[in-house]
Amino acid sequence: MLPKLSYAGGFAADNYWSSSQNSTNANNAWNQNFNNGNQFDNNKNNTLRVRPVRGFQYGT
């Protein structure tokens, strides 16, 4: 996904929350760094960016 960011537009080179909670620590959720491509978990009390995404079906 990282190489295709220019198609979506409006991304800051920063950390964004995912919708996935850490399965071993309910206080943490996963996030994506759109500067370097790293993924890591972070405490849910921390402030990170979000990107709303509308549901879609693959291939449409």
PDB file of N, CA and C in Angstrom:
ATOM      1  N   MET A   1       0.819  -1.191   0.000  1.00  0.00           N
ATOM      2  CA  MET A   1       0.000   0.000   0.000  1.00  0.00           C
ATOM      3  C   MET A   1       0.863   1.255   0.000  1.00  0.00           C
ATOM      4  N   LEU A   2       1.972   1.244   0.686  1.00  0.00           N
ATOM      5  CA  LEU A   2       2.801   2.437   0.818  1.00  0.00           C
ATOM      6  C   LEU A   2       3.164   3.072  -0.524  1.00  0.00           C
ATOM      7  N   PRO A   3       3.569   2.319  -1.558  1.00  0.00           N
ATOM      8  CA  PRO A   3       3.906   2.945  -2.834  1.00  0.00           C
ATOM      9  C   PRO A   3       2.717   3.589  -3.545  1.00  0.00           C
ATOM     10  N   LYS A   4       1.491   3.263  -3.176  1.00  0.00           N
ATOM     11  CA  LYS A   4       0.299   3.765  -3.861  1.00  0.00           C
ATOM     12  C   LYS A   4      -0.330   4.971  -3.159  1.00  0.00           C
ATOM     13  N   LEU A   5       0.337   5.550  -2.179  1.00  0.00           N
ATOM     14  CA  LEU A   5      -0.249   6.660  -1.426  1.00  0.00           C
ATOM     15  C   LEU A   5      -0.615   7.845  -2.304  1.00  0.00           C
ATOM     16  N   SER A   6       0.147   8.089  -3.350  1.00  0.00           N
ATOM     17  CA  SER A   6      -0.133   9.248  -4.192  1.00  0.00           C
ATOM     18  C   SER A   6      -1.501   9.144  -4.860  1.00  0.00           C
ATOM     19  N   TYR A   7      -2.000   7.929  -5.057  1.00  0.00           N
ATOM     20  CA  TYR A   7      -3.320   7.763  -5.660  1.00  0.00           C
ATOM     21  C   TYR A   7      -4.434   8.186  -4.711  1.00  0.00           C
ATOM     22  N   ALA A   8      -4.234   7.964  -3.423  1.00  0.00           N
ATOM     23  CA  ALA A   8      -5.255   8.320  -2.431  1.00  0.00           C
ATOM     24  C   ALA A   8      -5.190   9.804  -2.096  1.00  0.00           C
ATOM     25  N   GLY A   9      -4.003  10.349  -1.998  1.00  0.00           N
ATOM     26  CA  GLY A   9      -3.822  11.764  -1.708  1.00  0.00           C
ATOM     27  C   GLY A   9      -4.138  12.130  -0.273  1.00  0.00           C
ATOM     28  N   GLY A  10      -3.572  13.247   0.171  1.00  0.00           N
ATOM     29  CA  GLY A  10      -3.881  13.788   1.480  1.00  0.00           C
ATOM     30  C   GLY A  10      -3.241  13.078   2.656  1.00  0.00           C
ATOM     31  N   PHE A  11      -2.298  12.179   2.413  1.00  0.00           N
ATOM     32  CA  PHE A  11      -1.633  11.495   3.512  1.00  0.00           C
ATOM     33  C   PHE A  11      -0.465  12.324   4.017  1.00  0.00           C
ATOM     34  N   ALA A  12      -0.379  12.460   5.334  1.00  0.00           N
ATOM     35  CA  ALA A  12       0.803  13.045   5.957  1.00  0.00           C
ATOM     36  C   ALA A  12       1.782  11.912   6.230  1.00  0.00           C
ATOM     37  N   ALA A  13       3.063  12.191   6.165  1.00  0.00           N
ATOM     38  CA  ALA A  13       4.084  11.187   6.480  1.00  0.00           C
ATOM     39  C   ALA A  13       4.153  11.047   7.992  1.00  0.00           C
ATOM     40  N   ASP A  14       3.195  10.328   8.559  1.00  0.00           N
ATOM     41  CA  ASP A  14       3.030  10.263  10.007  1.00  0.00           C
ATOM     42  C   ASP A  14       2.391   8.930  10.383  1.00  0.00           C
ATOM     43  N   ASN A  15       2.112   8.756  11.676  1.00  0.00           N
ATOM     44  CA  ASN A  15       1.484   7.541  12.188  1.00  0.00           C
ATOM     45  C   ASN A  15      -0.033   7.660  12.160  1.00  0.00           C
ATOM     46  N   TYR A  16      -0.690   6.582  11.713  1.00  0.00           N
ATOM     47  CA  TYR A  16      -2.150   6.510  11.639  1.00  0.00           C
ATOM     48  C   TYR A  16      -2.626   5.270  12.386  1.00  0.00           C
ATOM     49  N   TRP A  17      -3.729   5.417  13.117  1.00  0.00           N
ATOM     50  CA  TRP A  17      -4.334   4.267  13.776  1.00  0.00           C
ATOM     51  C   TRP A  17      -4.900   3.298  12.750  1.00  0.00           C
ATOM     52  N   SER A  18      -4.845   2.010  13.064  1.00  0.00           N
ATOM     53  CA  SER A  18      -5.601   1.013  12.312  1.00  0.00           C
ATOM     54  C   SER A  18      -6.859   0.702  13.116  1.00  0.00           C
ATOM     55  N   SER A  19      -7.681  -0.176  12.625  1.00  0.00           N
ATOM     56  CA  SER A  19      -8.872  -0.586  13.373  1.00  0.00           C
ATOM     57  C   SER A  19      -8.610  -1.852  14.179  1.00  0.00           C
ATOM     58  N   SER A  20      -7.363  -2.297  14.231  1.00  0.00           N
ATOM     59  CA  SER A  20      -7.025  -3.571  14.879  1.00  0.00           C
ATOM     60  C   SER A  20      -6.422  -3.371  16.259  1.00  0.00           C
ATOM     61  N   GLN A  21      -7.071  -3.966  17.238  1.00  0.00           N
ATOM     62  CA  GLN A  21      -6.557  -3.954  18.605  1.00  0.00           C
ATOM     63  C   GLN A  21      -5.467  -5.017  18.735  1.00  0.00           C
ATOM     64  N   ASN A  22      -4.495  -4.781  19.599  1.00  0.00           N
ATOM     65  CA  ASN A  22      -3.475  -5.779  19.899  1.00  0.00           C
ATOM     66  C   ASN A  22      -4.134  -6.943  20.629  1.00  0.00           C
ATOM     67  N   SER A  23      -3.993  -8.149  20.113  1.00  0.00           N
ATOM     68  CA  SER A  23      -4.690  -9.307  20.688  1.00  0.00           C
ATOM     69  C   SER A  23      -4.141  -9.725  22.045  1.00  0.00           C
ATOM     70  N   THR A  24      -2.933  -9.294  22.389  1.00  0.00           N
ATOM     71  CA  THR A  24      -2.354  -9.665  23.681  1.00  0.00           C
ATOM     72  C   THR A  24      -2.379  -8.536  24.699  1.00  0.00           C
ATOM     73  N   ASN A  25      -2.770  -7.333  24.274  1.00  0.00           N
ATOM     74  CA  ASN A  25      -2.831  -6.189  25.183  1.00  0.00           C
ATOM     75  C   ASN A  25      -3.982  -5.286  24.752  1.00  0.00           C
ATOM     76  N   ALA A  26      -5.092  -5.360  25.460  1.00  0.00           N
ATOM     77  CA  ALA A  26      -6.297  -4.608  25.086  1.00  0.00           C
ATOM     78  C   ALA A  26      -6.112  -3.101  25.204  1.00  0.00           C
ATOM     79  N   ASN A  27      -5.055  -2.638  25.871  1.00  0.00           N
ATOM     80  CA  ASN A  27      -4.786  -1.205  25.981  1.00  0.00           C
ATOM     81  C   ASN A  27      -4.105  -0.643  24.739  1.00  0.00           C
ATOM     82  N   ASN A  28      -3.651  -1.520  23.849  1.00  0.00           N
ATOM     83  CA  ASN A  28      -2.918  -1.094  22.663  1.00  0.00           C
ATOM     84  C   ASN A  28      -3.670  -1.441  21.387  1.00  0.00           C
ATOM     85  N   ALA A  29      -3.414  -0.661  20.346  1.00  0.00           N
ATOM     86  CA  ALA A  29      -3.940  -0.938  19.011  1.00  0.00           C
ATOM     87  C   ALA A  29      -2.794  -0.752  18.019  1.00  0.00           C
ATOM     88  N   TRP A  30      -2.958  -1.324  16.844  1.00  0.00           N
ATOM     89  CA  TRP A  30      -1.915  -1.254  15.822  1.00  0.00           C
ATOM     90  C   TRP A  30      -2.011   0.048  15.039  1.00  0.00           C
ATOM     91  N   ASN A  31      -0.851   0.532  14.616  1.00  0.00           N
ATOM     92  CA  ASN A  31      -0.823   1.711  13.764  1.00  0.00           C
ATOM     93  C   ASN A  31       0.229   1.548  12.686  1.00  0.00           C
ATOM     94  N   GLN A  32       0.082   2.381  11.664  1.00  0.00           N
ATOM     95  CA  GLN A  32       0.918   2.329  10.469  1.00  0.00           C
ATOM     96  C   GLN A  32       1.650   3.645  10.327  1.00  0.00           C
ATOM     97  N   ASN A  33       2.963   3.577  10.113  1.00  0.00           N
ATOM     98  CA  ASN A  33       3.750   4.770   9.851  1.00  0.00           C
ATOM     99  C   ASN A  33       3.849   4.943   8.337  1.00  0.00           C
ATOM    100  N   PHE A  34       3.284   6.024   7.805  1.00  0.00           N
ATOM    101  CA  PHE A  34       3.281   6.259   6.364  1.00  0.00           C
ATOM    102  C   PHE A  34       4.493   7.051   5.900  1.00  0.00           C
ATOM    103  N   ASN A  35       5.476   7.207   6.783  1.00  0.00           N
ATOM    104  CA  ASN A  35       6.749   7.783   6.384  1.00  0.00           C
ATOM    105  C   ASN A  35       7.729   6.676   6.009  1.00  0.00           C
ATOM    106  N   ASN A  36       7.803   5.630   6.863  1.00  0.00           N
ATOM    107  CA  ASN A  36       8.780   4.575   6.623  1.00  0.00           C
ATOM    108  C   ASN A  36       8.158   3.194   6.411  1.00  0.00           C
ATOM    109  N   GLY A  37       6.833   3.071   6.527  1.00  0.00           N
ATOM    110  CA  GLY A  37       6.164   1.800   6.289  1.00  0.00           C
ATOM    111  C   GLY A  37       6.094   0.865   7.478  1.00  0.00           C
ATOM    112  N   ASN A  38       6.669   1.261   8.617  1.00  0.00           N
ATOM    113  CA  ASN A  38       6.650   0.399   9.798  1.00  0.00           C
ATOM    114  C   ASN A  38       5.252   0.287  10.392  1.00  0.00           C
ATOM    115  N   GLN A  39       4.989  -0.854  11.007  1.00  0.00           N
ATOM    116  CA  GLN A  39       3.748  -1.090  11.745  1.00  0.00           C
ATOM    117  C   GLN A  39       4.129  -1.460  13.167  1.00  0.00           C
ATOM    118  N   PHE A  40       3.402  -0.923  14.135  1.00  0.00           N
ATOM    119  CA  PHE A  40       3.693  -1.222  15.530  1.00  0.00           C
ATOM    120  C   PHE A  40       2.451  -0.971  16.353  1.00  0.00           C
ATOM    121  N   ASP A  41       2.470  -1.449  17.604  1.00  0.00           N
ATOM    122  CA  ASP A  41       1.332  -1.184  18.480  1.00  0.00           C
ATOM    123  C   ASP A  41       1.652  -0.010  19.382  1.00  0.00           C
ATOM    124  N   ASN A  42       0.599   0.660  19.826  1.00  0.00           N
ATOM    125  CA  ASN A  42       0.742   1.873  20.608  1.00  0.00           C
ATOM    126  C   ASN A  42      -0.422   1.948  21.585  1.00  0.00           C
ATOM    127  N   ASN A  43      -0.204   2.580  22.720  1.00  0.00           N
ATOM    128  CA  ASN A  43      -1.263   2.740  23.704  1.00  0.00           C
ATOM    129  C   ASN A  43      -2.398   3.566  23.114  1.00  0.00           C
ATOM    130  N   LYS A  44      -3.632   3.130  23.341  1.00  0.00           N
ATOM    131  CA  LYS A  44      -4.809   3.799  22.774  1.00  0.00           C
ATOM    132  C   LYS A  44      -5.002   5.216  23.300  1.00  0.00           C
ATOM    133  N   ASN A  45      -4.351   5.574  24.397  1.00  0.00           N
ATOM    134  CA  ASN A  45      -4.459   6.936  24.922  1.00  0.00           C
ATOM    135  C   ASN A  45      -3.607   7.931  24.147  1.00  0.00           C
ATOM    136  N   ASN A  46      -2.695   7.447  23.311  1.00  0.00           N
ATOM    137  CA  ASN A  46      -1.855   8.335  22.518  1.00  0.00           C
ATOM    138  C   ASN A  46      -2.646   8.921  21.350  1.00  0.00           C
ATOM    139  N   THR A  47      -2.266  10.107  20.951  1.00  0.00           N
ATOM    140  CA  THR A  47      -2.930  10.797  19.850  1.00  0.00           C
ATOM    141  C   THR A  47      -2.187  10.519  18.546  1.00  0.00           C
ATOM    142  N   LEU A  48      -2.879   9.872  17.617  1.00  0.00           N
ATOM    143  CA  LEU A  48      -2.345   9.623  16.280  1.00  0.00           C
ATOM    144  C   LEU A  48      -3.391  10.044  15.260  1.00  0.00           C
ATOM    145  N   ARG A  49      -2.996  10.122  14.017  1.00  0.00           N
ATOM    146  CA  ARG A  49      -3.929  10.478  12.948  1.00  0.00           C
ATOM    147  C   ARG A  49      -4.876   9.320  12.648  1.00  0.00           C
ATOM    148  N   VAL A  50      -6.002   9.651  12.026  1.00  0.00           N
ATOM    149  CA  VAL A  50      -6.944   8.639  11.546  1.00  0.00           C
ATOM    150  C   VAL A  50      -7.287   8.951  10.098  1.00  0.00           C
ATOM    151  N   ARG A  51      -7.702   7.938   9.386  1.00  0.00           N
ATOM    152  CA  ARG A  51      -8.106   8.106   7.987  1.00  0.00           C
ATOM    153  C   ARG A  51      -9.385   7.308   7.780  1.00  0.00           C
ATOM    154  N   PRO A  52     -10.544   7.971   7.774  1.00  0.00           N
ATOM    155  CA  PRO A  52     -11.790   7.237   7.551  1.00  0.00           C
ATOM    156  C   PRO A  52     -11.791   6.594   6.161  1.00  0.00           C
ATOM    157  N   VAL A  53     -12.287   5.383   6.107  1.00  0.00           N
ATOM    158  CA  VAL A  53     -12.349   4.651   4.843  1.00  0.00           C
ATOM    159  C   VAL A  53     -13.746   4.084   4.681  1.00  0.00           C
ATOM    160  N   ARG A  54     -14.350   4.342   3.549  1.00  0.00           N
ATOM    161  CA  ARG A  54     -15.667   3.793   3.257  1.00  0.00           C
ATOM    162  C   ARG A  54     -15.515   2.352   2.799  1.00  0.00           C
ATOM    163  N   GLY A  55     -16.424   1.509   3.228  1.00  0.00           N
ATOM    164  CA  GLY A  55     -16.388   0.109   2.827  1.00  0.00           C
ATOM    165  C   GLY A  55     -16.543  -0.047   1.323  1.00  0.00           C
ATOM    166  N   PHE A  56     -15.914  -1.053   0.767  1.00  0.00           N
ATOM    167  CA  PHE A  56     -16.006  -1.323  -0.661  1.00  0.00           C
ATOM    168  C   PHE A  56     -15.775  -2.800  -0.895  1.00  0.00           C
ATOM    169  N   GLN A  57     -16.115  -3.254  -2.064  1.00  0.00           N
ATOM    170  CA  GLN A  57     -15.840  -4.629  -2.450  1.00  0.00           C
ATOM    171  C   GLN A  57     -14.673  -4.635  -3.414  1.00  0.00           C
ATOM    172  N   TYR A  58     -13.787  -5.571  -3.231  1.00  0.00           N
ATOM    173  CA  TYR A  58     -12.614  -5.693  -4.083  1.00  0.00           C
ATOM    174  C   TYR A  58     -13.029  -5.854  -5.542  1.00  0.00           C
ATOM    175  N   GLY A  59     -12.369  -5.116  -6.421  1.00  0.00           N
ATOM    176  CA  GLY A  59     -12.638  -5.232  -7.846  1.00  0.00           C
ATOM    177  C   GLY A  59     -13.712  -4.298  -8.366  1.00  0.00           C
ATOM    178  N   THR A  60     -14.244  -3.414  -7.490  1.00  0.00           N
ATOM    179  CA  THR A  60     -15.263  -2.474  -7.965  1.00  0.00           C
ATOM    180  C   THR A  60     -14.757  -1.060  -7.884  1.00  0.00           C
TER     181      THR A  60
END
